[in-house]
Amino acid sequence: MRNEVAATLIDIEAELRQLSLWERVPPSSRALASVEPFCVDTLTLPQWLQFVFLPTVYQMLEEDAALPERCAIMPMAEEYFRGSKLATADLLASLRRIDSLLGGE
């Protein structure tokens, strides 16, 4: 299962890059320190994925730490991209997959 999680993280990164949502400059440490879910008060969802979610889960995999038992990114992503003209179907599919993998489904 850990290999599937790693592969899905790579897919998420690839989709963010393909959609030109991957940023070269990280947000400020203050923005990253938000305690709100998904850092909604300081980051966009793509920024949260790139600078918080992906690095955190990659680190858990590297350290062979326990992975989250529940993940619910998909509802937030659907809302965030609603009405967007971006071709987000593949990104949303990858987010659905990570939710499923980390949710034990």
C-alpha atoms as a PDB file:
ATOM      1  CA  MET A   1       0.000   0.000   0.000  1.00  0.00           C
ATOM      2  CA  ARG A   2       2.859   2.388   0.757  1.00  0.00           C
ATOM      3  CA  ASN A   3       4.107   2.039  -2.835  1.00  0.00           C
ATOM      4  CA  GLU A   4       0.645   2.934  -4.113  1.00  0.00           C
ATOM      5  CA  VAL A   5       0.585   6.007  -1.875  1.00  0.00           C
ATOM      6  CA  ALA A   6       4.019   7.082  -3.157  1.00  0.00           C
ATOM      7  CA  ALA A   7       2.968   6.579  -6.776  1.00  0.00           C
ATOM      8  CA  THR A   8      -0.209   8.587  -6.223  1.00  0.00           C
ATOM      9  CA  LEU A   9       1.764  11.440  -4.632  1.00  0.00           C
ATOM     10  CA  ILE A  10       3.943  11.504  -7.758  1.00  0.00           C
ATOM     11  CA  ASP A  11       0.788  11.637  -9.885  1.00  0.00           C
ATOM     12  CA  ILE A  12      -0.562  14.561  -7.855  1.00  0.00           C
ATOM     13  CA  GLU A  13       2.685  16.462  -8.324  1.00  0.00           C
ATOM     14  CA  ALA A  14       2.716  15.711 -12.052  1.00  0.00           C
ATOM     15  CA  GLU A  15      -0.855  16.944 -12.441  1.00  0.00           C
ATOM     16  CA  LEU A  16      -0.156  20.151 -10.523  1.00  0.00           C
ATOM     17  CA  ARG A  17       2.812  20.776 -12.804  1.00  0.00           C
ATOM     18  CA  GLN A  18       0.831  20.011 -15.952  1.00  0.00           C
ATOM     19  CA  LEU A  19      -1.880  22.448 -14.874  1.00  0.00           C
ATOM     20  CA  SER A  20       0.776  25.125 -14.183  1.00  0.00           C
ATOM     21  CA  LEU A  21      -0.230  25.144 -10.516  1.00  0.00           C
ATOM     22  CA  TRP A  22       3.246  24.154  -9.274  1.00  0.00           C
ATOM     23  CA  GLU A  23       5.064  27.115  -7.775  1.00  0.00           C
ATOM     24  CA  ARG A  24       8.798  27.739  -7.734  1.00  0.00           C
ATOM     25  CA  VAL A  25       8.785  29.974  -4.672  1.00  0.00           C
ATOM     26  CA  PRO A  26       7.374  28.614  -1.417  1.00  0.00           C
ATOM     27  CA  PRO A  27       4.965  30.658   0.659  1.00  0.00           C
ATOM     28  CA  SER A  28       6.258  32.444   3.746  1.00  0.00           C
ATOM     29  CA  SER A  29       6.808  30.442   6.906  1.00  0.00           C
ATOM     30  CA  ARG A  30       3.982  32.458   8.433  1.00  0.00           C
ATOM     31  CA  ALA A  31       1.583  31.294   5.707  1.00  0.00           C
ATOM     32  CA  LEU A  32       2.705  27.705   6.199  1.00  0.00           C
ATOM     33  CA  ALA A  33       2.139  27.944   9.960  1.00  0.00           C
ATOM     34  CA  SER A  34      -1.633  28.298   9.620  1.00  0.00           C
ATOM     35  CA  VAL A  35      -3.644  26.067  11.934  1.00  0.00           C
ATOM     36  CA  GLU A  36      -6.735  26.143   9.732  1.00  0.00           C
ATOM     37  CA  PRO A  37      -7.632  22.989   7.764  1.00  0.00           C
ATOM     38  CA  PHE A  38      -5.878  23.057   4.391  1.00  0.00           C
ATOM     39  CA  CYS A  39      -4.378  26.423   5.473  1.00  0.00           C
ATOM     40  CA  VAL A  40      -7.456  27.975   3.871  1.00  0.00           C
ATOM     41  CA  ASP A  41      -6.688  31.321   5.419  1.00  0.00           C
ATOM     42  CA  THR A  42      -3.186  31.602   3.952  1.00  0.00           C
ATOM     43  CA  LEU A  43      -2.745  29.201   0.996  1.00  0.00           C
ATOM     44  CA  THR A  44      -4.586  28.086  -2.102  1.00  0.00           C
ATOM     45  CA  LEU A  45      -5.402  24.384  -2.301  1.00  0.00           C
ATOM     46  CA  PRO A  46      -2.642  23.755  -4.867  1.00  0.00           C
ATOM     47  CA  GLN A  47      -0.147  25.517  -2.574  1.00  0.00           C
ATOM     48  CA  TRP A  48      -1.297  23.414   0.379  1.00  0.00           C
ATOM     49  CA  LEU A  49      -0.886  20.242  -1.662  1.00  0.00           C
ATOM     50  CA  GLN A  50       2.594  21.260  -2.834  1.00  0.00           C
ATOM     51  CA  PHE A  51       4.031  22.748   0.322  1.00  0.00           C
ATOM     52  CA  VAL A  52       2.210  20.939   3.133  1.00  0.00           C
ATOM     53  CA  PHE A  53       0.498  17.713   2.104  1.00  0.00           C
ATOM     54  CA  LEU A  54       3.009  16.212  -0.325  1.00  0.00           C
ATOM     55  CA  PRO A  55       6.126  16.895   1.798  1.00  0.00           C
ATOM     56  CA  THR A  56       4.409  15.635   4.949  1.00  0.00           C
ATOM     57  CA  VAL A  57       3.296  12.348   3.447  1.00  0.00           C
ATOM     58  CA  TYR A  58       6.618  11.850   1.622  1.00  0.00           C
ATOM     59  CA  GLN A  59       8.393  12.303   4.957  1.00  0.00           C
ATOM     60  CA  MET A  60       6.080   9.791   6.636  1.00  0.00           C
ATOM     61  CA  LEU A  61       6.871   7.296   3.894  1.00  0.00           C
ATOM     62  CA  GLU A  62      10.635   7.888   4.184  1.00  0.00           C
ATOM     63  CA  GLU A  63      10.555   7.478   7.947  1.00  0.00           C
ATOM     64  CA  ASP A  64       8.283   4.431   7.722  1.00  0.00           C
ATOM     65  CA  ALA A  65       5.900   6.299  10.016  1.00  0.00           C
ATOM     66  CA  ALA A  66       2.236   5.500  10.342  1.00  0.00           C
ATOM     67  CA  LEU A  67       0.215   7.117   7.583  1.00  0.00           C
ATOM     68  CA  PRO A  68      -2.998   9.013   8.280  1.00  0.00           C
ATOM     69  CA  GLU A  69      -5.964   6.706   8.748  1.00  0.00           C
ATOM     70  CA  ARG A  70      -8.331   9.182   7.193  1.00  0.00           C
ATOM     71  CA  CYS A  71      -7.947  11.633   4.362  1.00  0.00           C
ATOM     72  CA  ALA A  72     -10.640  13.792   2.778  1.00  0.00           C
ATOM     73  CA  ILE A  73      -9.025  16.080   0.237  1.00  0.00           C
ATOM     74  CA  MET A  74     -11.429  15.329  -2.597  1.00  0.00           C
ATOM     75  CA  PRO A  75     -14.433  17.311  -1.263  1.00  0.00           C
ATOM     76  CA  MET A  76     -12.227  20.370  -0.755  1.00  0.00           C
ATOM     77  CA  ALA A  77     -10.694  19.952  -4.217  1.00  0.00           C
ATOM     78  CA  GLU A  78     -14.089  19.622  -5.885  1.00  0.00           C
ATOM     79  CA  GLU A  79     -15.223  22.830  -4.243  1.00  0.00           C
ATOM     80  CA  TYR A  80     -11.960  24.652  -4.991  1.00  0.00           C
ATOM     81  CA  PHE A  81     -11.985  23.748  -8.698  1.00  0.00           C
ATOM     82  CA  ARG A  82     -15.759  24.108  -9.205  1.00  0.00           C
ATOM     83  CA  GLY A  83     -16.297  26.412 -12.161  1.00  0.00           C
ATOM     84  CA  SER A  84     -12.610  26.322 -13.076  1.00  0.00           C
ATOM     85  CA  LYS A  85     -11.759  26.102 -16.747  1.00  0.00           C
ATOM     86  CA  LEU A  86      -8.716  23.951 -15.897  1.00  0.00           C
ATOM     87  CA  ALA A  87      -8.707  20.319 -17.019  1.00  0.00           C
ATOM     88  CA  THR A  88      -8.596  18.929 -13.490  1.00  0.00           C
ATOM     89  CA  ALA A  89     -10.119  15.472 -14.053  1.00  0.00           C
ATOM     90  CA  ASP A  90      -6.794  13.631 -13.675  1.00  0.00           C
ATOM     91  CA  LEU A  91      -5.798  15.642 -10.610  1.00  0.00           C
ATOM     92  CA  LEU A  92      -9.175  14.989  -9.005  1.00  0.00           C
ATOM     93  CA  ALA A  93      -8.857  11.282  -9.810  1.00  0.00           C
ATOM     94  CA  SER A  94      -5.464  11.198  -8.082  1.00  0.00           C
ATOM     95  CA  LEU A  95      -6.870  13.020  -5.060  1.00  0.00           C
ATOM     96  CA  ARG A  96      -9.779  10.575  -4.931  1.00  0.00           C
ATOM     97  CA  ARG A  97      -7.234   7.747  -5.024  1.00  0.00           C
ATOM     98  CA  ILE A  98      -5.142   9.177  -2.167  1.00  0.00           C
ATOM     99  CA  ASP A  99      -8.307   9.623  -0.095  1.00  0.00           C
ATOM    100  CA  SER A 100      -9.177   6.000  -0.748  1.00  0.00           C
ATOM    101  CA  LEU A 101      -5.677   4.708   0.017  1.00  0.00           C
ATOM    102  CA  LEU A 102      -5.319   6.672   3.228  1.00  0.00           C
ATOM    103  CA  GLY A 103      -8.887   5.941   4.226  1.00  0.00           C
ATOM    104  CA  GLY A 104      -8.285   2.221   4.128  1.00  0.00           C
ATOM    105  CA  GLU A 105     -10.792   1.591   1.365  1.00  0.00           C
END
